[in-house]
Amino acid sequence: MGSFFPYTPRMPISIDHIIERMGGAEAASRLTGVGTEAVRKWRQSRAIPSRHWPAVIAATGLTMADLQTESPDQASATMQNATDTVPAGATAVLVLADGAAFWGRGFGAHTSGVGPVGEVCFSTGMTGYQETLTDPSFAGQIITFTFPHIGNVGTNIEDIEATTIAARGLVVNQDVTEPSNWRSTQRLQEWLRAQGITGISGVDTRSLTIRIRDGGAPTGVLAFPADGKFDLAALRAQAAGWPGLEGMDLAKEVTCRQTYDWDETAWSWPTGFGRQSAPKRHVVAVDYGAKRNILRCLASAGCKVTVVPATATAEDILRHEPDGVFLSNGPGDPAATGEYAVPVLRQVLDSGTPIFGICLGHQLLALALGAKTYKLDRGHRGANQPVKDLATGKVEITSQNHGFAVDANSLPANVKVTHVSLFDGSNEGIASTDRAAFSVQYHPEASPGPTDSHHLFRRFVGMMEQRG
């Protein structure tokens, strides 16, 4: 399987030096009051969370200026020499905007010239890596998988959420093994190579995940050159120069280019996917980066589904005379996409047509109703995310993938909060009190529960039936 490569942080003073200055790990724990486990994690991740810095500074007598033990020129030269040495066996590297380098073994497509750059996030799902990689909501992101065994069931043509891979790259701990699953038709690395996507294995994903958890999602760039030559200065400059997801409209990159109909229903054993041949309601789905399984759930709920591009006008949507309008998931900053989407949605709301939104669709509905959105420090990505339904008190185990959220404090009086995250208390659902419109931040079509949230599609159908 191979061991992981240690990463090289861009720090002016080492964690070991700080701990030894306090008299060792136990003394550091006692002086800072953070516990021995926290000190162990400092060493493991080679970083001290910012929330611990006041206690460390008080215990050591250091100041932030004292931490710069070398002159800027000396420190730059020292770090350059340390991070530019390619470890034995390394064929790829993930370079973050602060200069930290995570070395590993590349797989998938080789990079040439400018490597894939994006926001480095982590996903906690233990299964479903193929669905994750093809989820359009991951556009603009490099995914760190916290589960170590990625690729062990191969890939197939059924477990995809879009035709092409949306993510810009992936980071895994263990080397990709030969697939062991009867449904596999292609090895993960071959599937990635065919789509021009780069992966890196052998990375200490635990350290990287802790780094993201404590400091937020950084910008990073992947390099897997065929000739084994790395221009780390150029990679650092590329990572540092990327503007980030705030203000970025990515829905236009992943949306469909023309209107189409969808009738495929959910997969079931042993027949596989089915077809909806007798729909009772007609739904227009606005594709901001729609996952296929969402469309399948709508079809399985008895709906004829017409999919329109993200840039569709209100006239484009309403000319189909839909019983309801669905707002899909998608990537990027909702405020940026909202520049053209919000005026359209307000016209749809004024028509009285029932609306159901998921993920980005949830955020866009909130904006159309008068609320605001903001960027989360870390985001919610992966399975087993607990969400509380405030109306019933029940907790749903959900799948999530978002880096922005609705500001519950900005909701107008005619919009109520329906769901909240039990991780951080952020908003997970809203409903209008005077219009037939509701939405959730999470993905009810996914199945970590496994079917905790499927009732939302039935609720949408019931809303359309009530309207008549």
Protein backbone atom coordinates (compact mmCIF):
# COMPACT_ATOMS: atom_id res chain seq x y z
CA MET A 1 0.00 0.00 0.00
CA GLY A 2 2.91 2.34 0.71
CA SER A 3 3.42 4.83 3.48
CA PHE A 4 2.43 8.47 3.34
CA PHE A 5 4.92 11.27 2.80
CA PRO A 6 5.38 13.90 5.51
CA TYR A 7 4.38 17.38 4.39
CA THR A 8 6.63 20.39 4.69
CA PRO A 9 5.03 23.41 6.40
CA ARG A 10 6.13 26.96 5.71
CA MET A 11 6.72 27.93 9.34
CA PRO A 12 9.40 30.20 10.82
CA ILE A 13 9.66 28.10 13.99
CA SER A 14 9.03 24.39 14.49
CA ILE A 15 6.30 22.91 16.66
CA ASP A 16 8.89 20.75 18.45
CA HIS A 17 10.89 23.87 19.31
CA ILE A 18 7.83 25.53 20.83
CA ILE A 19 6.97 22.43 22.88
CA GLU A 20 10.53 22.00 24.12
CA ARG A 21 10.66 25.69 25.06
CA MET A 22 7.82 24.95 27.50
CA GLY A 23 9.64 21.92 28.96
CA GLY A 24 8.16 19.09 26.93
CA ALA A 25 4.69 17.83 26.03
CA GLU A 26 3.35 17.38 29.58
CA ALA A 27 4.62 20.78 30.68
CA ALA A 28 3.18 22.36 27.52
CA SER A 29 -0.19 20.79 28.31
CA ARG A 30 -0.09 22.04 31.90
CA LEU A 31 1.08 25.56 31.05
CA THR A 32 -1.41 26.12 28.22
CA GLY A 33 -4.32 24.17 29.70
CA VAL A 34 -5.12 22.49 26.39
CA GLY A 35 -4.61 18.85 27.32
CA THR A 36 -1.99 16.32 26.29
CA GLU A 37 -4.08 15.09 23.37
CA ALA A 38 -4.10 18.58 21.89
CA VAL A 39 -0.31 18.81 22.20
CA ARG A 40 -0.01 15.42 20.51
CA LYS A 41 -2.14 16.72 17.64
CA TRP A 42 0.11 19.77 17.35
CA ARG A 43 3.01 17.47 16.60
CA GLN A 44 0.97 15.16 14.41
CA SER A 45 -0.40 17.92 12.19
CA ARG A 46 2.73 20.10 12.49
CA ALA A 47 0.52 23.08 13.20
CA ILE A 48 -0.99 24.79 16.24
CA PRO A 49 -4.61 25.91 15.83
CA SER A 50 -5.03 29.67 16.04
CA ARG A 51 -7.36 29.30 19.02
CA HIS A 52 -4.42 27.92 21.06
CA TRP A 53 -1.97 30.68 20.18
CA PRO A 54 -2.90 33.07 23.04
CA ALA A 55 -2.17 30.34 25.60
CA VAL A 56 1.07 29.35 23.84
CA ILE A 57 2.29 32.95 23.68
CA ALA A 58 1.42 33.48 27.35
CA ALA A 59 3.21 30.28 28.36
CA THR A 60 6.36 30.85 26.33
CA GLY A 61 6.74 34.61 26.54
CA LEU A 62 7.04 34.67 22.76
CA THR A 63 5.34 37.26 20.62
CA MET A 64 4.32 36.89 17.01
CA ALA A 65 7.42 38.90 16.12
CA ASP A 66 9.60 36.51 18.19
CA LEU A 67 8.39 33.60 16.09
CA GLN A 68 10.21 35.05 13.09
CA THR A 69 13.60 33.81 14.35
CA GLU A 70 15.34 34.53 11.06
CA SER A 71 15.35 37.56 8.85
CA PRO A 72 12.78 37.37 6.05
CA ASP A 73 15.50 36.66 3.50
CA GLN A 74 17.07 33.93 5.65
CA ALA A 75 13.72 32.36 6.44
CA SER A 76 12.72 32.38 2.78
CA ALA A 77 15.97 30.67 1.79
CA THR A 78 15.65 28.08 4.56
CA MET A 79 12.06 27.22 3.66
CA GLN A 80 12.85 27.15 -0.05
CA ASN A 81 15.58 24.55 0.49
CA ALA A 82 13.39 22.49 2.81
CA THR A 83 10.28 22.36 0.62
CA ASP A 84 11.97 22.10 -2.76
CA THR A 85 13.65 18.77 -2.01
CA VAL A 86 11.62 16.01 -3.64
CA PRO A 87 11.30 13.03 -1.25
CA ALA A 88 12.41 9.64 -2.56
CA GLY A 89 9.56 7.95 -4.40
CA ALA A 90 7.41 11.07 -4.69
CA THR A 91 5.96 11.72 -8.15
CA ALA A 92 3.34 14.36 -7.31
CA VAL A 93 2.78 17.28 -4.95
CA LEU A 94 -0.06 19.37 -3.57
CA VAL A 95 1.13 22.93 -2.92
CA LEU A 96 -0.97 25.28 -0.81
CA ALA A 97 -1.14 29.05 -1.10
CA ASP A 98 0.93 29.48 2.08
CA GLY A 99 3.72 27.42 0.50
CA ALA A 100 3.17 24.14 2.38
CA ALA A 101 3.90 21.09 0.23
CA PHE A 102 2.23 17.68 0.53
CA TRP A 103 4.23 15.11 -1.43
CA GLY A 104 2.87 11.82 -2.71
CA ARG A 105 2.47 9.47 -5.62
CA GLY A 106 0.51 10.69 -8.63
CA PHE A 107 -2.19 8.75 -10.46
CA GLY A 108 -4.69 9.57 -13.17
CA ALA A 109 -3.70 12.25 -15.66
CA HIS A 110 -0.28 13.87 -15.74
CA THR A 111 -0.16 17.65 -15.46
CA SER A 112 1.73 19.90 -17.82
CA GLY A 113 2.42 23.57 -17.39
CA VAL A 114 -0.33 25.04 -15.21
CA GLY A 115 -1.71 22.40 -12.85
CA PRO A 116 -5.29 22.13 -11.56
CA VAL A 117 -5.88 24.79 -8.92
CA GLY A 118 -8.84 25.16 -6.59
CA GLU A 119 -10.13 25.25 -3.04
CA VAL A 120 -8.85 22.25 -1.06
CA CYS A 121 -11.70 20.72 0.94
CA PHE A 122 -12.32 17.40 2.65
CA SER A 123 -15.19 14.92 2.31
CA THR A 124 -16.03 12.39 5.03
CA GLY A 125 -17.99 9.86 2.99
CA MET A 126 -16.78 6.26 3.33
CA THR A 127 -18.44 5.21 0.06
CA GLY A 128 -19.60 6.89 -3.12
CA TYR A 129 -16.32 8.41 -4.32
CA GLN A 130 -17.44 8.19 -7.94
CA GLU A 131 -20.66 10.07 -7.17
CA THR A 132 -18.64 12.64 -5.22
CA LEU A 133 -16.16 13.28 -8.02
CA THR A 134 -18.93 13.75 -10.60
CA ASP A 135 -21.13 15.93 -8.36
CA PRO A 136 -21.16 19.31 -10.16
CA SER A 137 -21.24 21.04 -6.76
CA PHE A 138 -17.54 20.14 -6.40
CA ALA A 139 -16.54 22.28 -9.38
CA GLY A 140 -13.58 24.48 -8.46
CA GLN A 141 -12.44 22.18 -5.65
CA ILE A 142 -9.71 19.63 -4.94
CA ILE A 143 -11.22 16.92 -2.75
CA THR A 144 -9.37 15.35 0.18
CA PHE A 145 -11.00 12.03 1.05
CA THR A 146 -10.78 11.29 4.77
CA PHE A 147 -11.57 7.60 4.19
CA PRO A 148 -8.26 5.95 3.20
CA HIS A 149 -9.44 3.27 0.75
CA ILE A 150 -10.51 5.16 -2.36
CA GLY A 151 -10.70 3.27 -5.64
CA ASN A 152 -11.08 -0.20 -4.15
CA VAL A 153 -14.40 -0.86 -5.93
CA GLY A 154 -13.34 0.64 -9.26
CA THR A 155 -15.75 2.65 -11.38
CA ASN A 156 -18.78 1.96 -13.56
CA ILE A 157 -21.12 3.82 -15.89
CA GLU A 158 -24.04 3.86 -13.44
CA ASP A 159 -22.56 5.54 -10.35
CA ILE A 160 -22.07 8.96 -11.88
CA GLU A 161 -23.97 12.17 -11.17
CA ALA A 162 -22.88 13.93 -14.37
CA THR A 163 -21.19 12.97 -17.62
CA THR A 164 -17.84 14.47 -16.65
CA ILE A 165 -15.88 14.84 -13.42
CA ALA A 166 -16.56 18.19 -11.78
CA ALA A 167 -13.80 18.22 -9.15
CA ARG A 168 -10.38 19.57 -10.15
CA GLY A 169 -8.42 16.82 -8.43
CA LEU A 170 -8.36 14.42 -5.50
CA VAL A 171 -6.11 13.65 -2.55
CA VAL A 172 -6.08 10.22 -0.90
CA ASN A 173 -4.09 8.41 1.77
CA GLN A 174 -3.59 4.89 0.43
CA ASP A 175 -2.47 3.88 -3.04
CA VAL A 176 -5.32 2.86 -5.35
CA THR A 177 -5.70 -0.92 -5.38
CA GLU A 178 -7.16 -3.26 -7.98
CA PRO A 179 -10.97 -3.02 -7.89
CA SER A 180 -12.88 -5.68 -5.99
CA ASN A 181 -16.53 -5.34 -6.97
CA TRP A 182 -18.72 -7.15 -9.48
CA ARG A 183 -20.06 -3.88 -10.88
CA SER A 184 -16.63 -2.44 -11.70
CA THR A 185 -15.88 -1.85 -15.37
CA GLN A 186 -12.76 0.32 -15.11
CA ARG A 187 -10.00 1.09 -12.61
CA LEU A 188 -10.24 4.47 -10.90
CA GLN A 189 -6.90 5.68 -12.23
CA GLU A 190 -7.85 4.80 -15.80
CA TRP A 191 -11.21 6.55 -15.48
CA LEU A 192 -9.47 9.66 -14.13
CA ARG A 193 -6.85 9.57 -16.86
CA ALA A 194 -9.53 9.41 -19.56
CA GLN A 195 -11.11 12.58 -18.16
CA GLY A 196 -7.87 14.45 -17.57
CA ILE A 197 -8.14 14.49 -13.77
CA THR A 198 -5.12 14.23 -11.46
CA GLY A 199 -4.95 12.42 -8.14
CA ILE A 200 -2.28 12.11 -5.47
CA SER A 201 -1.90 9.25 -2.97
CA GLY A 202 0.44 8.70 -0.04
CA VAL A 203 -0.63 11.98 1.56
CA ASP A 204 -1.11 12.35 5.30
CA THR A 205 -4.78 13.20 4.81
CA ARG A 206 -5.34 13.36 8.56
CA SER A 207 -2.89 16.24 8.87
CA LEU A 208 -4.36 17.96 5.85
CA THR A 209 -7.90 17.56 7.19
CA ILE A 210 -6.92 18.97 10.59
CA ARG A 211 -5.27 21.87 8.82
CA ILE A 212 -8.50 22.60 6.91
CA ARG A 213 -10.61 22.13 10.03
CA ASP A 214 -8.55 24.57 12.07
CA GLY A 215 -7.63 27.12 9.43
CA GLY A 216 -10.34 26.91 6.80
CA ALA A 217 -10.21 25.60 3.24
CA PRO A 218 -6.99 26.81 1.55
CA THR A 219 -6.21 27.24 -2.11
CA GLY A 220 -4.01 24.52 -3.58
CA VAL A 221 -2.55 23.30 -6.84
CA LEU A 222 -1.72 19.74 -7.90
CA ALA A 223 1.32 18.78 -9.94
CA PHE A 224 2.03 15.34 -11.44
CA PRO A 225 4.54 16.03 -14.23
CA ALA A 226 5.42 13.19 -16.57
CA ASP A 227 9.11 14.16 -16.46
CA GLY A 228 9.20 14.35 -12.66
CA LYS A 229 10.36 17.97 -12.64
CA PHE A 230 8.62 20.38 -10.23
CA ASP A 231 8.67 24.17 -10.44
CA LEU A 232 7.53 24.79 -6.87
CA ALA A 233 8.00 28.54 -7.09
CA ALA A 234 5.57 28.66 -10.00
CA LEU A 235 3.15 26.34 -8.18
CA ARG A 236 3.19 28.53 -5.07
CA ALA A 237 2.57 31.61 -7.19
CA GLN A 238 -0.29 29.88 -8.97
CA ALA A 239 -1.92 28.81 -5.70
CA ALA A 240 -1.46 32.24 -4.11
CA GLY A 241 -2.88 33.98 -7.18
CA TRP A 242 -6.14 32.03 -7.40
CA PRO A 243 -9.01 34.33 -6.31
CA GLY A 244 -11.05 31.74 -4.42
CA LEU A 245 -14.71 30.74 -4.67
CA GLU A 246 -16.19 33.92 -3.21
CA GLY A 247 -17.67 35.96 -6.02
CA MET A 248 -17.27 33.08 -8.48
CA ASP A 249 -20.22 31.96 -10.60
CA LEU A 250 -19.56 28.33 -11.55
CA ALA A 251 -23.14 27.33 -12.36
CA LYS A 252 -22.69 28.54 -15.94
CA GLU A 253 -19.75 26.13 -16.31
CA VAL A 254 -21.65 23.00 -15.27
CA THR A 255 -25.23 23.65 -16.41
CA CYS A 256 -26.79 22.00 -19.45
CA ARG A 257 -26.61 23.91 -22.70
CA GLN A 258 -30.17 23.24 -23.85
CA THR A 259 -33.52 22.08 -22.49
CA TYR A 260 -34.15 18.32 -22.27
CA ASP A 261 -36.62 15.85 -20.76
CA TRP A 262 -35.78 13.30 -18.05
CA ASP A 263 -37.74 10.12 -17.25
CA GLU A 264 -35.19 7.75 -15.66
CA THR A 265 -36.19 6.59 -12.17
CA ALA A 266 -34.15 5.41 -9.17
CA TRP A 267 -32.01 2.27 -9.26
CA SER A 268 -33.39 -0.88 -7.66
CA TRP A 269 -32.32 -4.49 -7.41
CA PRO A 270 -32.28 -6.47 -9.66
CA THR A 271 -33.63 -4.41 -12.55
CA GLY A 272 -31.46 -1.31 -12.21
CA PHE A 273 -32.81 2.04 -13.38
CA GLY A 274 -36.41 2.31 -14.53
CA ARG A 275 -38.54 4.69 -16.60
CA GLN A 276 -41.44 6.91 -15.61
CA SER A 277 -44.11 6.16 -18.19
CA ALA A 278 -47.18 7.58 -16.43
CA PRO A 279 -46.27 10.89 -14.74
CA LYS A 280 -48.96 12.76 -12.82
CA ARG A 281 -47.20 16.10 -12.41
CA HIS A 282 -44.88 18.21 -14.56
CA VAL A 283 -41.78 19.74 -12.96
CA VAL A 284 -39.33 22.14 -14.56
CA ALA A 285 -35.90 21.64 -13.01
CA VAL A 286 -33.48 24.58 -13.24
CA ASP A 287 -30.03 23.05 -13.70
CA TYR A 288 -27.42 24.96 -11.69
CA GLY A 289 -25.35 21.75 -11.62
CA ALA A 290 -28.02 19.10 -11.09
CA LYS A 291 -27.13 15.61 -9.91
CA ARG A 292 -28.77 12.83 -11.89
CA ASN A 293 -30.13 11.12 -8.81
CA ILE A 294 -32.15 14.21 -7.92
CA LEU A 295 -33.83 14.02 -11.31
CA ARG A 296 -34.40 10.30 -10.76
CA CYS A 297 -36.07 10.99 -7.41
CA LEU A 298 -38.39 13.51 -9.03
CA ALA A 299 -39.28 11.01 -11.75
CA SER A 300 -39.77 8.25 -9.17
CA ALA A 301 -42.16 10.56 -7.30
CA GLY A 302 -44.41 10.57 -10.38
CA CYS A 303 -43.14 13.65 -12.17
CA LYS A 304 -42.42 14.43 -15.77
CA VAL A 305 -39.17 16.39 -15.59
CA THR A 306 -38.12 19.11 -18.01
CA VAL A 307 -34.59 20.39 -17.38
CA VAL A 308 -33.65 23.95 -18.35
CA PRO A 309 -30.28 25.75 -18.18
CA ALA A 310 -29.27 27.91 -15.23
CA THR A 311 -29.64 31.02 -17.40
CA ALA A 312 -33.25 30.28 -18.34
CA THR A 313 -35.59 33.24 -18.05
CA ALA A 314 -38.91 33.17 -16.19
CA GLU A 315 -40.62 32.99 -19.59
CA ASP A 316 -38.46 29.98 -20.53
CA ILE A 317 -39.54 28.22 -17.34
CA LEU A 318 -43.22 29.13 -17.22
CA ARG A 319 -43.96 28.50 -20.91
CA HIS A 320 -43.82 24.79 -20.08
CA GLU A 321 -46.81 25.35 -17.75
CA PRO A 322 -45.22 23.38 -14.92
CA ASP A 323 -47.03 22.19 -11.80
CA GLY A 324 -43.85 22.97 -9.88
CA VAL A 325 -40.33 24.33 -10.30
CA PHE A 326 -37.30 22.61 -8.83
CA LEU A 327 -34.04 24.48 -8.12
CA SER A 328 -31.03 22.18 -8.27
CA ASN A 329 -27.73 21.96 -6.44
CA GLY A 330 -24.63 23.55 -7.92
CA PRO A 331 -21.18 25.05 -7.26
CA GLY A 332 -19.79 28.49 -6.55
CA ASP A 333 -20.96 31.59 -4.71
CA PRO A 334 -24.78 31.89 -4.61
CA ALA A 335 -24.50 35.69 -4.58
CA ALA A 336 -22.68 35.56 -7.92
CA THR A 337 -25.14 33.15 -9.52
CA GLY A 338 -27.95 35.16 -7.99
CA GLU A 339 -27.08 38.15 -10.15
CA TYR A 340 -29.09 36.56 -12.96
CA ALA A 341 -31.00 33.82 -11.10
CA VAL A 342 -32.71 35.87 -8.37
CA PRO A 343 -34.76 38.17 -10.67
CA VAL A 344 -35.99 35.07 -12.51
CA LEU A 345 -36.96 33.27 -9.31
CA ARG A 346 -38.85 36.29 -8.02
CA GLN A 347 -40.98 36.22 -11.16
CA VAL A 348 -41.60 32.48 -10.68
CA LEU A 349 -42.57 33.14 -7.03
CA ASP A 350 -45.00 35.83 -8.18
CA SER A 351 -46.63 33.32 -10.54
CA GLY A 352 -47.67 31.18 -7.57
CA THR A 353 -45.95 28.08 -8.91
CA PRO A 354 -44.70 25.79 -6.09
CA ILE A 355 -40.91 25.78 -5.67
CA PHE A 356 -38.55 23.26 -4.08
CA GLY A 357 -34.81 23.95 -3.81
CA ILE A 358 -31.76 21.89 -2.80
CA CYS A 359 -28.23 23.08 -1.94
CA LEU A 360 -27.42 26.03 -4.24
CA GLY A 361 -31.12 26.07 -5.12
CA HIS A 362 -31.86 26.53 -1.41
CA GLN A 363 -29.49 29.48 -1.22
CA LEU A 364 -30.87 31.09 -4.37
CA LEU A 365 -34.44 30.75 -3.11
CA ALA A 366 -33.38 32.43 0.15
CA LEU A 367 -31.80 35.29 -1.81
CA ALA A 368 -34.96 35.65 -3.91
CA LEU A 369 -37.02 35.85 -0.71
CA GLY A 370 -34.82 38.63 0.64
CA ALA A 371 -32.19 36.85 2.74
CA LYS A 372 -28.40 36.86 2.53
CA THR A 373 -25.74 34.16 2.23
CA TYR A 374 -22.17 33.86 3.53
CA LYS A 375 -19.14 31.60 3.10
CA LEU A 376 -18.51 28.93 5.71
CA ASP A 377 -14.97 28.58 7.05
CA ARG A 378 -14.81 24.86 6.31
CA GLY A 379 -18.06 23.87 4.65
CA HIS A 380 -20.07 20.67 5.06
CA ARG A 381 -19.03 17.84 2.77
CA GLY A 382 -19.67 14.13 3.13
CA ALA A 383 -22.18 11.75 4.64
CA ASN A 384 -23.53 11.28 8.18
CA GLN A 385 -24.29 14.97 8.73
CA PRO A 386 -27.05 15.31 11.37
CA VAL A 387 -29.84 17.78 10.64
CA LYS A 388 -32.79 18.53 12.93
CA ASP A 389 -36.28 19.08 11.54
CA LEU A 390 -37.66 21.79 13.83
CA ALA A 391 -41.28 20.93 13.07
CA THR A 392 -41.06 17.27 14.10
CA GLY A 393 -37.96 17.24 16.30
CA LYS A 394 -36.61 14.35 14.26
CA VAL A 395 -32.96 14.15 13.25
CA GLU A 396 -32.12 13.18 9.68
CA ILE A 397 -28.74 11.72 8.73
CA THR A 398 -27.87 13.57 5.55
CA SER A 399 -25.36 13.91 2.77
CA GLN A 400 -24.02 17.44 2.22
CA ASN A 401 -21.73 19.37 -0.07
CA HIS A 402 -21.66 23.13 0.35
CA GLY A 403 -19.25 25.88 1.25
CA PHE A 404 -21.81 28.67 1.58
CA ALA A 405 -24.87 28.97 3.81
CA VAL A 406 -27.99 31.04 4.31
CA ASP A 407 -27.77 33.66 7.04
CA ALA A 408 -30.77 32.77 9.22
CA ASN A 409 -30.64 36.19 10.89
CA SER A 410 -31.29 37.86 7.53
CA LEU A 411 -34.52 35.97 6.76
CA PRO A 412 -37.57 38.22 6.38
CA ALA A 413 -40.63 37.82 8.61
CA ASN A 414 -42.49 35.71 6.04
CA VAL A 415 -39.77 33.05 5.88
CA LYS A 416 -39.18 30.54 8.68
CA VAL A 417 -36.26 28.29 9.53
CA THR A 418 -37.27 24.61 9.19
CA HIS A 419 -33.99 22.71 9.63
CA VAL A 420 -30.67 23.32 11.41
CA SER A 421 -27.29 21.59 11.42
CA LEU A 422 -26.48 19.78 14.65
CA PHE A 423 -22.77 20.24 13.87
CA ASP A 424 -22.59 24.02 13.92
CA GLY A 425 -26.16 25.31 14.10
CA SER A 426 -26.09 26.73 10.58
CA ASN A 427 -29.25 26.92 8.50
CA GLU A 428 -30.32 23.75 6.70
CA GLY A 429 -33.84 24.59 5.54
CA ILE A 430 -36.41 27.34 5.05
CA ALA A 431 -40.06 27.69 4.05
CA SER A 432 -42.10 30.69 3.01
CA THR A 433 -45.17 31.28 5.16
CA ASP A 434 -47.17 33.01 2.43
CA ARG A 435 -45.94 31.25 -0.72
CA ALA A 436 -45.68 27.64 -1.85
CA ALA A 437 -41.90 27.51 -1.58
CA PHE A 438 -39.44 25.57 0.58
CA SER A 439 -35.87 24.36 0.37
CA VAL A 440 -33.13 22.43 2.17
CA GLN A 441 -29.36 22.85 2.22
CA TYR A 442 -28.58 19.14 2.23
CA HIS A 443 -29.11 16.40 -0.38
CA PRO A 444 -32.29 14.36 0.21
CA GLU A 445 -31.65 12.28 -2.91
CA ALA A 446 -28.49 10.78 -1.40
CA SER A 447 -28.82 7.81 0.92
CA PRO A 448 -26.64 7.94 4.04
CA GLY A 449 -29.77 7.61 6.22
CA PRO A 450 -30.45 5.69 3.96
CA THR A 451 -33.83 7.26 3.12
CA ASP A 452 -34.32 9.75 5.95
CA SER A 453 -35.00 12.68 3.65
CA HIS A 454 -36.81 11.14 0.67
CA HIS A 455 -40.09 12.40 2.12
CA LEU A 456 -39.22 15.89 0.88
CA PHE A 457 -39.92 14.84 -2.71
CA ARG A 458 -43.34 13.57 -1.62
CA ARG A 459 -43.89 16.88 0.18
CA PHE A 460 -43.15 18.73 -3.05
CA VAL A 461 -45.60 16.55 -4.96
CA GLY A 462 -48.21 17.12 -2.25
CA MET A 463 -47.71 20.89 -2.58
CA MET A 464 -48.32 20.65 -6.34
CA GLU A 465 -51.42 18.51 -5.81
CA GLN A 466 -52.79 20.96 -3.28
CA ARG A 467 -52.46 23.77 -5.80
CA GLY A 468 -54.42 21.64 -8.22
